[in-house]
PDB file of N, CA and C in Angstrom:
ATOM      1  N   MET A   1      87.628 106.217 111.959  1.00  0.00           N
ATOM      2  CA  MET A   1      87.147 106.472 113.414  1.00  0.00           C
ATOM      3  C   MET A   1      88.994 107.174 113.881  1.00  0.00           C
ATOM      4  N   ARG A   2      88.982 108.244 114.515  1.00  0.00           N
ATOM      5  CA  ARG A   2      89.938 108.591 115.058  1.00  0.00           C
ATOM      6  C   ARG A   2      90.347 108.156 116.660  1.00  0.00           C
ATOM      7  N   PRO A   3      91.453 107.685 117.103  1.00  0.00           N
ATOM      8  CA  PRO A   3      91.684 107.218 118.399  1.00  0.00           C
ATOM      9  C   PRO A   3      92.070 108.774 119.297  1.00  0.00           C
ATOM     10  N   ASN A   4      91.706 108.384 120.663  1.00  0.00           N
ATOM     11  CA  ASN A   4      92.343 109.717 121.692  1.00  0.00           C
ATOM     12  C   ASN A   4      93.874 109.374 121.335  1.00  0.00           C
ATOM     13  N   ALA A   5      94.411 110.640 121.997  1.00  0.00           N
ATOM     14  CA  ALA A   5      95.973 110.933 122.199  1.00  0.00           C
ATOM     15  C   ALA A   5      95.977 110.713 123.915  1.00  0.00           C
ATOM     16  N   THR A   6      97.160 110.045 124.053  1.00  0.00           N
ATOM     17  CA  THR A   6      97.599 109.954 125.420  1.00  0.00           C
ATOM     18  C   THR A   6      98.239 111.318 126.010  1.00  0.00           C
ATOM     19  N   GLY A   7      98.805 111.912 125.181  1.00  0.00           N
ATOM     20  CA  GLY A   7      99.801 112.877 125.469  1.00  0.00           C
ATOM     21  C   GLY A   7     101.226 112.382 125.401  1.00  0.00           C
ATOM     22  N   VAL A   8     101.861 110.730 125.109  1.00  0.00           N
ATOM     23  CA  VAL A   8     103.078 110.225 124.849  1.00  0.00           C
ATOM     24  C   VAL A   8     103.259 110.888 123.180  1.00  0.00           C
ATOM     25  N   SER A   9     104.389 110.924 122.941  1.00  0.00           N
ATOM     26  CA  SER A   9     104.879 110.989 121.738  1.00  0.00           C
ATOM     27  C   SER A   9     104.777 109.950 120.866  1.00  0.00           C
ATOM     28  N   ALA A  10     104.127 110.218 119.791  1.00  0.00           N
ATOM     29  CA  ALA A  10     103.988 108.871 118.792  1.00  0.00           C
ATOM     30  C   ALA A  10     105.474 108.275 117.998  1.00  0.00           C
ATOM     31  N   ALA A  11     106.267 109.190 118.039  1.00  0.00           N
ATOM     32  CA  ALA A  11     107.508 108.885 117.331  1.00  0.00           C
ATOM     33  C   ALA A  11     108.279 107.563 118.486  1.00  0.00           C
ATOM     34  N   LEU A  12     109.041 107.075 117.683  1.00  0.00           N
ATOM     35  CA  LEU A  12     109.687 105.835 118.276  1.00  0.00           C
ATOM     36  C   LEU A  12     111.592 106.478 118.776  1.00  0.00           C
ATOM     37  N   PRO A  13     111.825 106.507 119.690  1.00  0.00           N
ATOM     38  CA  PRO A  13     113.112 106.813 119.925  1.00  0.00           C
ATOM     39  C   PRO A  13     114.401 106.804 119.068  1.00  0.00           C
ATOM     40  N   GLY A  14     114.174 105.382 118.502  1.00  0.00           N
ATOM     41  CA  GLY A  14     115.496 104.932 117.436  1.00  0.00           C
ATOM     42  C   GLY A  14     114.862 105.335 115.971  1.00  0.00           C
ATOM     43  N   GLY A  15     113.647 105.870 116.089  1.00  0.00           N
ATOM     44  CA  GLY A  15     113.137 105.955 114.547  1.00  0.00           C
ATOM     45  C   GLY A  15     112.281 104.928 114.510  1.00  0.00           C
ATOM     46  N   PRO A  16     111.358 104.529 112.971  1.00  0.00           N
ATOM     47  CA  PRO A  16     110.433 103.799 112.990  1.00  0.00           C
ATOM     48  C   PRO A  16     111.510 102.618 112.470  1.00  0.00           C
ATOM     49  N   GLN A  17     110.917 101.416 112.490  1.00  0.00           N
ATOM     50  CA  GLN A  17     111.755  99.977 112.149  1.00  0.00           C
ATOM     51  C   GLN A  17     110.723  99.376 111.055  1.00  0.00           C
ATOM     52  N   ILE A  18     111.775  99.006 110.076  1.00  0.00           N
ATOM     53  CA  ILE A  18     110.617  98.360 109.120  1.00  0.00           C
ATOM     54  C   ILE A  18     111.646  97.037 109.103  1.00  0.00           C
ATOM     55  N   CYS A  19     110.699  96.153 109.550  1.00  0.00           N
ATOM     56  CA  CYS A  19     111.073  94.559 109.638  1.00  0.00           C
ATOM     57  C   CYS A  19     109.747  94.012 109.848  1.00  0.00           C
ATOM     58  N   ASP A  20     109.534  92.731 109.944  1.00  0.00           N
ATOM     59  CA  ASP A  20     108.532  92.296 110.281  1.00  0.00           C
ATOM     60  C   ASP A  20     108.166  92.234 111.754  1.00  0.00           C
ATOM     61  N   SER A  21     106.818  92.626 111.715  1.00  0.00           N
ATOM     62  CA  SER A  21     106.133  92.924 112.646  1.00  0.00           C
ATOM     63  C   SER A  21     106.753  93.785 114.393  1.00  0.00           C
ATOM     64  N   CYS A  22     107.603  94.551 113.620  1.00  0.00           N
ATOM     65  CA  CYS A  22     108.168  95.542 114.626  1.00  0.00           C
ATOM     66  C   CYS A  22     107.483  96.720 114.490  1.00  0.00           C
ATOM     67  N   LEU A  23     107.426  97.723 115.810  1.00  0.00           N
ATOM     68  CA  LEU A  23     107.035  98.794 115.860  1.00  0.00           C
ATOM     69  C   LEU A  23     107.407  99.789 114.895  1.00  0.00           C
ATOM     70  N   TYR A  24     106.248 100.308 114.529  1.00  0.00           N
ATOM     71  CA  TYR A  24     106.648 101.534 113.595  1.00  0.00           C
ATOM     72  C   TYR A  24     106.529 102.650 114.293  1.00  0.00           C
ATOM     73  N   PHE A  25     105.468 102.895 115.107  1.00  0.00           N
ATOM     74  CA  PHE A  25     105.353 104.256 116.036  1.00  0.00           C
ATOM     75  C   PHE A  25     105.016 103.670 117.219  1.00  0.00           C
ATOM     76  N   ASN A  26     105.102 104.676 118.655  1.00  0.00           N
ATOM     77  CA  ASN A  26     104.775 104.541 119.581  1.00  0.00           C
ATOM     78  C   ASN A  26     103.316 104.098 119.791  1.00  0.00           C
ATOM     79  N   THR A  27     102.793 102.994 120.108  1.00  0.00           N
ATOM     80  CA  THR A  27     101.328 102.686 120.154  1.00  0.00           C
ATOM     81  C   THR A  27     101.033 103.025 121.407  1.00  0.00           C
ATOM     82  N   ALA A  28     101.497 103.463 122.529  1.00  0.00           N
ATOM     83  CA  ALA A  28     101.277 103.822 123.889  1.00  0.00           C
ATOM     84  C   ALA A  28     100.431 105.154 123.773  1.00  0.00           C
ATOM     85  N   ALA A  29     100.893 105.864 122.640  1.00  0.00           N
ATOM     86  CA  ALA A  29     100.319 107.308 122.338  1.00  0.00           C
ATOM     87  C   ALA A  29      99.024 107.533 122.102  1.00  0.00           C
ATOM     88  N   PHE A  30      98.125 106.310 121.735  1.00  0.00           N
ATOM     89  CA  PHE A  30      96.860 106.238 121.328  1.00  0.00           C
ATOM     90  C   PHE A  30      95.952 105.384 122.312  1.00  0.00           C
ATOM     91  N   THR A  31      94.998 105.549 122.556  1.00  0.00           N
ATOM     92  CA  THR A  31      93.898 104.649 123.179  1.00  0.00           C
ATOM     93  C   THR A  31      92.376 104.747 122.500  1.00  0.00           C
ATOM     94  N   GLN A  32      91.691 103.690 122.389  1.00  0.00           N
ATOM     95  CA  GLN A  32      90.741 103.582 121.754  1.00  0.00           C
ATOM     96  C   GLN A  32      89.581 104.588 122.323  1.00  0.00           C
ATOM     97  N   THR A  33      88.649 105.214 121.593  1.00  0.00           N
ATOM     98  CA  THR A  33      87.718 106.190 121.889  1.00  0.00           C
ATOM     99  C   THR A  33      86.284 105.253 122.333  1.00  0.00           C
ATOM    100  N   PRO A  34      85.583 105.918 123.244  1.00  0.00           N
ATOM    101  CA  PRO A  34      84.529 105.242 123.555  1.00  0.00           C
ATOM    102  C   PRO A  34      83.223 105.275 122.509  1.00  0.00           C
ATOM    103  N   GLN A  35      82.310 104.374 122.436  1.00  0.00           N
ATOM    104  CA  GLN A  35      81.650 104.642 121.446  1.00  0.00           C
ATOM    105  C   GLN A  35      80.393 105.342 121.406  1.00  0.00           C
ATOM    106  N   TYR A  36      80.717 105.784 120.142  1.00  0.00           N
ATOM    107  CA  TYR A  36      79.609 106.955 119.569  1.00  0.00           C
ATOM    108  C   TYR A  36      80.165 108.306 119.972  1.00  0.00           C
ATOM    109  N   ALA A  37      81.726 108.351 119.970  1.00  0.00           N
ATOM    110  CA  ALA A  37      82.458 109.431 120.349  1.00  0.00           C
ATOM    111  C   ALA A  37      83.757 109.563 119.324  1.00  0.00           C
ATOM    112  N   PHE A  38      84.076 110.841 118.977  1.00  0.00           N
ATOM    113  CA  PHE A  38      85.030 111.216 118.032  1.00  0.00           C
ATOM    114  C   PHE A  38      86.245 111.218 118.995  1.00  0.00           C
ATOM    115  N   GLY A  39      87.482 110.824 118.172  1.00  0.00           N
ATOM    116  CA  GLY A  39      88.715 111.030 118.915  1.00  0.00           C
ATOM    117  C   GLY A  39      89.217 112.261 118.842  1.00  0.00           C
ATOM    118  N   ASN A  40      90.555 112.607 119.499  1.00  0.00           N
ATOM    119  CA  ASN A  40      91.000 114.158 119.275  1.00  0.00           C
ATOM    120  C   ASN A  40      92.137 113.934 118.683  1.00  0.00           C
ATOM    121  N   VAL A  41      92.706 112.886 118.292  1.00  0.00           N
ATOM    122  CA  VAL A  41      94.190 112.382 117.137  1.00  0.00           C
ATOM    123  C   VAL A  41      93.534 113.321 116.131  1.00  0.00           C
ATOM    124  N   SER A  42      94.676 114.361 115.382  1.00  0.00           N
ATOM    125  CA  SER A  42      94.573 114.835 114.071  1.00  0.00           C
ATOM    126  C   SER A  42      95.017 113.817 112.991  1.00  0.00           C
ATOM    127  N   ARG A  43      94.466 114.018 111.717  1.00  0.00           N
ATOM    128  CA  ARG A  43      95.014 113.482 110.579  1.00  0.00           C
ATOM    129  C   ARG A  43      96.317 113.181 110.449  1.00  0.00           C
ATOM    130  N   TYR A  44      97.106 114.233 111.089  1.00  0.00           N
ATOM    131  CA  TYR A  44      98.894 114.224 110.886  1.00  0.00           C
ATOM    132  C   TYR A  44      99.406 114.187 112.048  1.00  0.00           C
ATOM    133  N   VAL A  45     100.029 112.849 112.276  1.00  0.00           N
ATOM    134  CA  VAL A  45     100.452 112.809 113.290  1.00  0.00           C
ATOM    135  C   VAL A  45     102.291 113.373 113.534  1.00  0.00           C
ATOM    136  N   PRO A  46     102.902 114.287 113.987  1.00  0.00           N
ATOM    137  CA  PRO A  46     104.125 114.615 113.660  1.00  0.00           C
ATOM    138  C   PRO A  46     105.084 113.433 113.949  1.00  0.00           C
ATOM    139  N   GLY A  47     106.031 113.094 113.263  1.00  0.00           N
ATOM    140  CA  GLY A  47     107.220 111.942 113.455  1.00  0.00           C
ATOM    141  C   GLY A  47     106.842 111.028 112.928  1.00  0.00           C
ATOM    142  N   VAL A  48     105.742 110.964 112.361  1.00  0.00           N
ATOM    143  CA  VAL A  48     104.949 109.271 111.812  1.00  0.00           C
ATOM    144  C   VAL A  48     104.304 109.832 110.697  1.00  0.00           C
ATOM    145  N   ASN A  49     105.479 108.887 109.582  1.00  0.00           N
ATOM    146  CA  ASN A  49     104.874 108.828 108.161  1.00  0.00           C
ATOM    147  C   ASN A  49     104.949 107.687 107.478  1.00  0.00           C
ATOM    148  N   ASN A  50     104.450 107.335 106.513  1.00  0.00           N
ATOM    149  CA  ASN A  50     104.431 106.011 106.188  1.00  0.00           C
ATOM    150  C   ASN A  50     105.815 105.836 105.115  1.00  0.00           C
ATOM    151  N   PRO A  51     106.392 104.608 105.056  1.00  0.00           N
ATOM    152  CA  PRO A  51     107.591 104.431 104.158  1.00  0.00           C
ATOM    153  C   PRO A  51     107.411 105.367 102.994  1.00  0.00           C
ATOM    154  N   THR A  52     108.208 105.513 102.124  1.00  0.00           N
ATOM    155  CA  THR A  52     108.462 105.936 101.283  1.00  0.00           C
ATOM    156  C   THR A  52     107.950 105.290  99.976  1.00  0.00           C
ATOM    157  N   ALA A  53     107.283 105.776  99.064  1.00  0.00           N
ATOM    158  CA  ALA A  53     107.119 105.304  97.781  1.00  0.00           C
ATOM    159  C   ALA A  53     107.422 105.668  96.655  1.00  0.00           C
ATOM    160  N   ALA A  54     108.555 105.194  95.879  1.00  0.00           N
ATOM    161  CA  ALA A  54     108.887 105.905  94.347  1.00  0.00           C
ATOM    162  C   ALA A  54     109.384 104.683  93.407  1.00  0.00           C
ATOM    163  N   ASN A  55     108.580 104.739  92.287  1.00  0.00           N
ATOM    164  CA  ASN A  55     108.810 104.026  91.325  1.00  0.00           C
ATOM    165  C   ASN A  55     109.608 104.821  89.884  1.00  0.00           C
ATOM    166  N   VAL A  56     110.461 104.095  89.379  1.00  0.00           N
ATOM    167  CA  VAL A  56     110.979 104.614  87.951  1.00  0.00           C
ATOM    168  C   VAL A  56     109.992 103.909  86.904  1.00  0.00           C
ATOM    169  N   ASP A  57     109.696 104.396  86.025  1.00  0.00           N
ATOM    170  CA  ASP A  57     108.999 104.222  85.015  1.00  0.00           C
ATOM    171  C   ASP A  57     110.095 104.752  83.692  1.00  0.00           C
ATOM    172  N   THR A  58     110.261 103.593  82.821  1.00  0.00           N
ATOM    173  CA  THR A  58     111.066 103.966  81.318  1.00  0.00           C
ATOM    174  C   THR A  58     110.480 103.557  80.186  1.00  0.00           C
ATOM    175  N   SER A  59     110.874 104.390  79.191  1.00  0.00           N
ATOM    176  CA  SER A  59     110.288 103.815  77.844  1.00  0.00           C
ATOM    177  C   SER A  59     111.260 104.257  76.919  1.00  0.00           C
ATOM    178  N   ILE A  60     111.348 103.521  75.804  1.00  0.00           N
ATOM    179  CA  ILE A  60     112.560 103.593  74.407  1.00  0.00           C
ATOM    180  C   ILE A  60     111.820 103.314  73.432  1.00  0.00           C
ATOM    181  N   GLU A  61     112.012 104.203  72.569  1.00  0.00           N
ATOM    182  CA  GLU A  61     111.025 104.043  70.996  1.00  0.00           C
ATOM    183  C   GLU A  61     112.349 104.304  70.074  1.00  0.00           C
ATOM    184  N   LYS A  62     112.082 103.223  69.043  1.00  0.00           N
ATOM    185  CA  LYS A  62     112.742 103.527  67.642  1.00  0.00           C
ATOM    186  C   LYS A  62     111.950 103.327  66.482  1.00  0.00           C
ATOM    187  N   LEU A  63     111.820 104.685  65.812  1.00  0.00           N
ATOM    188  CA  LEU A  63     111.384 104.296  64.550  1.00  0.00           C
ATOM    189  C   LEU A  63     112.177 104.136  63.310  1.00  0.00           C
ATOM    190  N   THR A  64     111.931 103.038  62.398  1.00  0.00           N
ATOM    191  CA  THR A  64     112.819 102.490  61.330  1.00  0.00           C
ATOM    192  C   THR A  64     111.947 102.637  60.015  1.00  0.00           C
ATOM    193  N   ARG A  65     112.346 103.140  58.941  1.00  0.00           N
ATOM    194  CA  ARG A  65     111.961 103.581  57.782  1.00  0.00           C
ATOM    195  C   ARG A  65     112.086 102.215  57.050  1.00  0.00           C
ATOM    196  N   ILE A  66     111.202 101.543  56.384  1.00  0.00           N
ATOM    197  CA  ILE A  66     111.296 100.382  55.375  1.00  0.00           C
ATOM    198  C   ILE A  66     111.371 101.189  54.071  1.00  0.00           C
ATOM    199  N   ASN A  67     110.323 101.998  53.784  1.00  0.00           N
ATOM    200  CA  ASN A  67     110.643 102.796  52.434  1.00  0.00           C
ATOM    201  C   ASN A  67     109.889 103.705  52.751  1.00  0.00           C
ATOM    202  N   GLU A  68     109.291 105.035  51.667  1.00  0.00           N
ATOM    203  CA  GLU A  68     108.773 105.855  52.122  1.00  0.00           C
ATOM    204  C   GLU A  68     107.259 105.785  52.483  1.00  0.00           C
ATOM    205  N   ARG A  69     106.566 105.043  52.325  1.00  0.00           N
ATOM    206  CA  ARG A  69     105.250 104.552  52.861  1.00  0.00           C
ATOM    207  C   ARG A  69     105.098 103.694  54.378  1.00  0.00           C
ATOM    208  N   PHE A  70     106.236 102.818  54.417  1.00  0.00           N
ATOM    209  CA  PHE A  70     106.172 101.876  55.237  1.00  0.00           C
ATOM    210  C   PHE A  70     107.387 102.088  56.706  1.00  0.00           C
ATOM    211  N   HIS A  71     106.768 102.161  57.948  1.00  0.00           N
ATOM    212  CA  HIS A  71     107.536 102.342  58.892  1.00  0.00           C
ATOM    213  C   HIS A  71     107.317 101.197  59.964  1.00  0.00           C
ATOM    214  N   VAL A  72     108.514 101.152  60.847  1.00  0.00           N
ATOM    215  CA  VAL A  72     108.247 100.198  61.884  1.00  0.00           C
ATOM    216  C   VAL A  72     108.942 100.862  63.191  1.00  0.00           C
ATOM    217  N   VAL A  73     107.996 100.702  64.285  1.00  0.00           N
ATOM    218  CA  VAL A  73     108.155 101.266  65.354  1.00  0.00           C
ATOM    219  C   VAL A  73     108.299 100.029  66.295  1.00  0.00           C
ATOM    220  N   PHE A  74     109.571 100.120  67.229  1.00  0.00           N
ATOM    221  CA  PHE A  74     109.523  99.268  68.283  1.00  0.00           C
ATOM    222  C   PHE A  74     109.678 100.109  69.317  1.00  0.00           C
ATOM    223  N   ARG A  75     108.963  99.313  70.252  1.00  0.00           N
ATOM    224  CA  ARG A  75     108.689 100.113  71.587  1.00  0.00           C
ATOM    225  C   ARG A  75     109.342  99.036  72.865  1.00  0.00           C
ATOM    226  N   ALA A  76     109.986  99.690  73.714  1.00  0.00           N
ATOM    227  CA  ALA A  76     110.253  98.867  74.858  1.00  0.00           C
ATOM    228  C   ALA A  76     109.817  99.855  76.100  1.00  0.00           C
ATOM    229  N   GLU A  77     108.897  99.245  77.430  1.00  0.00           N
ATOM    230  CA  GLU A  77     108.564  99.683  78.484  1.00  0.00           C
ATOM    231  C   GLU A  77     109.086  98.922  79.668  1.00  0.00           C
ATOM    232  N   MET A  78     109.380  99.768  80.734  1.00  0.00           N
ATOM    233  CA  MET A  78     109.714  98.964  82.139  1.00  0.00           C
ATOM    234  C   MET A  78     108.928 100.055  82.983  1.00  0.00           C
ATOM    235  N   PHE A  79     108.180  99.468  83.829  1.00  0.00           N
ATOM    236  CA  PHE A  79     107.539  99.791  84.939  1.00  0.00           C
ATOM    237  C   PHE A  79     108.149  98.944  86.093  1.00  0.00           C
ATOM    238  N   ASN A  80     108.591 100.143  87.056  1.00  0.00           N
ATOM    239  CA  ASN A  80     109.332 100.115  88.535  1.00  0.00           C
ATOM    240  C   ASN A  80     110.574  99.087  88.082  1.00  0.00           C
ATOM    241  N   ALA A  81     111.326 100.334  86.889  1.00  0.00           N
ATOM    242  CA  ALA A  81     112.538  99.975  86.408  1.00  0.00           C
ATOM    243  C   ALA A  81     113.685  99.362  87.372  1.00  0.00           C
ATOM    244  N   THR A  82     114.071  99.782  88.590  1.00  0.00           N
ATOM    245  CA  THR A  82     114.850  99.694  89.644  1.00  0.00           C
ATOM    246  C   THR A  82     114.198  98.583  90.326  1.00  0.00           C
ATOM    247  N   ASN A  83     113.195  97.791  90.456  1.00  0.00           N
ATOM    248  CA  ASN A  83     112.693  96.740  91.305  1.00  0.00           C
ATOM    249  C   ASN A  83     112.647  97.114  92.677  1.00  0.00           C
ATOM    250  N   HIS A  84     112.392  98.560  92.957  1.00  0.00           N
ATOM    251  CA  HIS A  84     112.544  98.751  94.260  1.00  0.00           C
ATOM    252  C   HIS A  84     111.159  98.600  94.958  1.00  0.00           C
ATOM    253  N   VAL A  85     111.318  97.707  96.108  1.00  0.00           N
ATOM    254  CA  VAL A  85     110.225  97.466  96.749  1.00  0.00           C
ATOM    255  C   VAL A  85     109.780  98.485  97.734  1.00  0.00           C
ATOM    256  N   VAL A  86     108.354  98.357  97.793  1.00  0.00           N
ATOM    257  CA  VAL A  86     107.815  99.384  98.429  1.00  0.00           C
ATOM    258  C   VAL A  86     106.893  98.669  99.512  1.00  0.00           C
ATOM    259  N   PHE A  87     106.845  98.737 100.766  1.00  0.00           N
ATOM    260  CA  PHE A  87     106.260  97.781 101.804  1.00  0.00           C
ATOM    261  C   PHE A  87     104.975  98.893 102.202  1.00  0.00           C
ATOM    262  N   SER A  88     103.734  98.212 102.461  1.00  0.00           N
ATOM    263  CA  SER A  88     102.643  98.842 103.146  1.00  0.00           C
ATOM    264  C   SER A  88     102.787  99.404 104.397  1.00  0.00           C
ATOM    265  N   GLY A  89     102.130 100.167 104.837  1.00  0.00           N
ATOM    266  CA  GLY A  89     102.068 101.076 105.859  1.00  0.00           C
ATOM    267  C   GLY A  89     101.749 100.263 106.953  1.00  0.00           C
ATOM    268  N   PRO A  90     101.832 100.816 108.274  1.00  0.00           N
ATOM    269  CA  PRO A  90     101.521 100.266 109.443  1.00  0.00           C
ATOM    270  C   PRO A  90      99.989  99.912 109.411  1.00  0.00           C
ATOM    271  N   THR A  91      99.321  99.065 110.491  1.00  0.00           N
ATOM    272  CA  THR A  91      98.325  99.198 110.677  1.00  0.00           C
ATOM    273  C   THR A  91      98.010  99.921 111.783  1.00  0.00           C
ATOM    274  N   THR A  92      96.765 100.728 111.294  1.00  0.00           N
ATOM    275  CA  THR A  92      96.563 101.765 112.117  1.00  0.00           C
ATOM    276  C   THR A  92      95.281 101.853 112.633  1.00  0.00           C
ATOM    277  N   SER A  93      94.498 100.724 112.858  1.00  0.00           N
ATOM    278  CA  SER A  93      93.104 100.409 113.598  1.00  0.00           C
ATOM    279  C   SER A  93      93.655  99.967 115.037  1.00  0.00           C
ATOM    280  N   VAL A  94      92.810 100.883 115.822  1.00  0.00           N
ATOM    281  CA  VAL A  94      93.471 100.533 117.701  1.00  0.00           C
ATOM    282  C   VAL A  94      92.909  99.032 117.841  1.00  0.00           C
ATOM    283  N   THR A  95      92.454  98.901 117.227  1.00  0.00           N
ATOM    284  CA  THR A  95      91.540  97.560 117.827  1.00  0.00           C
ATOM    285  C   THR A  95      92.284  96.168 117.132  1.00  0.00           C
ATOM    286  N   SER A  96      93.035  96.391 116.260  1.00  0.00           N
ATOM    287  CA  SER A  96      94.015  95.101 115.821  1.00  0.00           C
ATOM    288  C   SER A  96      95.010  94.787 116.678  1.00  0.00           C
ATOM    289  N   ALA A  97      95.408  93.126 116.401  1.00  0.00           N
ATOM    290  CA  ALA A  97      96.441  92.849 117.019  1.00  0.00           C
ATOM    291  C   ALA A  97      97.745  93.288 116.556  1.00  0.00           C
ATOM    292  N   THR A  98      97.474  93.903 115.389  1.00  0.00           N
ATOM    293  CA  THR A  98      99.016  94.485 114.705  1.00  0.00           C
ATOM    294  C   THR A  98      99.059  95.742 114.741  1.00  0.00           C
ATOM    295  N   PHE A  99      98.559  96.849 115.687  1.00  0.00           N
ATOM    296  CA  PHE A  99      98.290  98.042 115.777  1.00  0.00           C
ATOM    297  C   PHE A  99      99.693  98.421 115.795  1.00  0.00           C
ATOM    298  N   GLY A 100     100.237  99.345 114.931  1.00  0.00           N
ATOM    299  CA  GLY A 100     101.463  99.948 115.009  1.00  0.00           C
ATOM    300  C   GLY A 100     102.689  99.487 114.419  1.00  0.00           C
ATOM    301  N   LYS A 101     101.999  98.142 113.475  1.00  0.00           N
ATOM    302  CA  LYS A 101     103.425  97.554 113.180  1.00  0.00           C
ATOM    303  C   LYS A 101     103.168  97.348 111.572  1.00  0.00           C
ATOM    304  N   ILE A 102     104.004  96.987 110.833  1.00  0.00           N
ATOM    305  CA  ILE A 102     104.326  96.797 109.443  1.00  0.00           C
ATOM    306  C   ILE A 102     104.501  95.384 109.420  1.00  0.00           C
ATOM    307  N   ILE A 103     103.447  94.739 108.695  1.00  0.00           N
ATOM    308  CA  ILE A 103     103.587  93.636 108.023  1.00  0.00           C
ATOM    309  C   ILE A 103     104.239  93.302 106.685  1.00  0.00           C
ATOM    310  N   LEU A 104     105.369  92.812 106.804  1.00  0.00           N
ATOM    311  CA  LEU A 104     106.132  93.082 105.455  1.00  0.00           C
ATOM    312  C   LEU A 104     105.161  92.090 103.722  1.00  0.00           C
ATOM    313  N   SER A 105     104.542  93.053 103.441  1.00  0.00           N
ATOM    314  CA  SER A 105     103.984  92.664 101.836  1.00  0.00           C
ATOM    315  C   SER A 105     104.473  93.915 100.746  1.00  0.00           C
ATOM    316  N   GLN A 106     104.638  93.341  99.912  1.00  0.00           N
ATOM    317  CA  GLN A 106     104.827  94.463  98.926  1.00  0.00           C
ATOM    318  C   GLN A 106     103.807  95.011  98.305  1.00  0.00           C
ATOM    319  N   SER A 107     103.605  96.320  98.345  1.00  0.00           N
ATOM    320  CA  SER A 107     102.254  97.093  98.108  1.00  0.00           C
ATOM    321  C   SER A 107     102.265  97.695  96.582  1.00  0.00           C
ATOM    322  N   ASN A 108     103.530  97.344  96.034  1.00  0.00           N
ATOM    323  CA  ASN A 108     103.799  97.832  94.210  1.00  0.00           C
ATOM    324  C   ASN A 108     104.097  96.566  93.818  1.00  0.00           C
ATOM    325  N   ALA A 109     104.096  96.648  92.365  1.00  0.00           N
ATOM    326  CA  ALA A 109     104.122  95.392  91.650  1.00  0.00           C
ATOM    327  C   ALA A 109     105.524  95.295  91.160  1.00  0.00           C
ATOM    328  N   PRO A 110     106.164  93.921  90.842  1.00  0.00           N
ATOM    329  CA  PRO A 110     107.270  93.804  90.817  1.00  0.00           C
ATOM    330  C   PRO A 110     107.914  94.522  89.405  1.00  0.00           C
ATOM    331  N   ARG A 111     109.287  94.476  88.975  1.00  0.00           N
ATOM    332  CA  ARG A 111     109.716  95.054  87.575  1.00  0.00           C
ATOM    333  C   ARG A 111     108.965  94.630  86.785  1.00  0.00           C
ATOM    334  N   GLN A 112     108.319  95.123  85.435  1.00  0.00           N
ATOM    335  CA  GLN A 112     107.353  94.711  84.329  1.00  0.00           C
ATOM    336  C   GLN A 112     108.040  95.066  82.974  1.00  0.00           C
ATOM    337  N   VAL A 113     108.051  94.305  82.242  1.00  0.00           N
ATOM    338  CA  VAL A 113     108.979  94.898  80.786  1.00  0.00           C
ATOM    339  C   VAL A 113     107.613  94.348  79.546  1.00  0.00           C
ATOM    340  N   GLN A 114     107.811  95.207  78.840  1.00  0.00           N
ATOM    341  CA  GLN A 114     106.738  94.935  77.842  1.00  0.00           C
ATOM    342  C   GLN A 114     107.219  95.602  76.456  1.00  0.00           C
ATOM    343  N   PHE A 115     107.339  94.568  75.504  1.00  0.00           N
ATOM    344  CA  PHE A 115     107.708  95.069  74.243  1.00  0.00           C
ATOM    345  C   PHE A 115     106.642  95.337  73.187  1.00  0.00           C
ATOM    346  N   SER A 116     106.516  96.178  72.232  1.00  0.00           N
ATOM    347  CA  SER A 116     105.847  96.267  71.050  1.00  0.00           C
ATOM    348  C   SER A 116     106.512  96.632  69.995  1.00  0.00           C
ATOM    349  N   LEU A 117     105.870  96.132  68.608  1.00  0.00           N
ATOM    350  CA  LEU A 117     106.260  96.354  67.420  1.00  0.00           C
ATOM    351  C   LEU A 117     105.101  96.547  66.714  1.00  0.00           C
ATOM    352  N   ARG A 118     105.138  97.771  65.899  1.00  0.00           N
ATOM    353  CA  ARG A 118     103.904  98.227  65.201  1.00  0.00           C
ATOM    354  C   ARG A 118     104.090  98.578  63.580  1.00  0.00           C
ATOM    355  N   LEU A 119     103.311  98.467  62.917  1.00  0.00           N
ATOM    356  CA  LEU A 119     103.944  98.954  61.299  1.00  0.00           C
ATOM    357  C   LEU A 119     102.938  99.701  61.053  1.00  0.00           C
ATOM    358  N   ARG A 120     103.614 100.900  60.492  1.00  0.00           N
ATOM    359  CA  ARG A 120     102.953 102.063  60.341  1.00  0.00           C
ATOM    360  C   ARG A 120     102.872 102.320  58.752  1.00  0.00           C
ATOM    361  N   PHE A 121     101.803 102.401  57.907  1.00  0.00           N
ATOM    362  CA  PHE A 121     101.328 102.679  56.686  1.00  0.00           C
ATOM    363  C   PHE A 121     100.881 104.133  56.360  1.00  0.00           C
TER     364      PHE A 121
END
């Protein structure tokens, strides 16, 4: 369900704030649509974007020959190697009490490391 636009800019004057229960966009720019009606707000609202989401995943592999027939492969993998926190986006439901606010909760996984050792023959 899309809301109706009031004509006010959805962007905040100081820019979006990422803090617990702070406004991320101007909620006065939207009103709830009447029942059984479609709102007039487009899917993209200029000046309002979700927080960026970037993860760095890395892997290192080392092959060691034991003899002509046997090889040992050691592998180390890191997911979210920089341990960068990505917060979830703001609440976009007009009827919610937290409409336009970001509740600080991590939407990605913290750093994960896994090792493997394999014998190839």
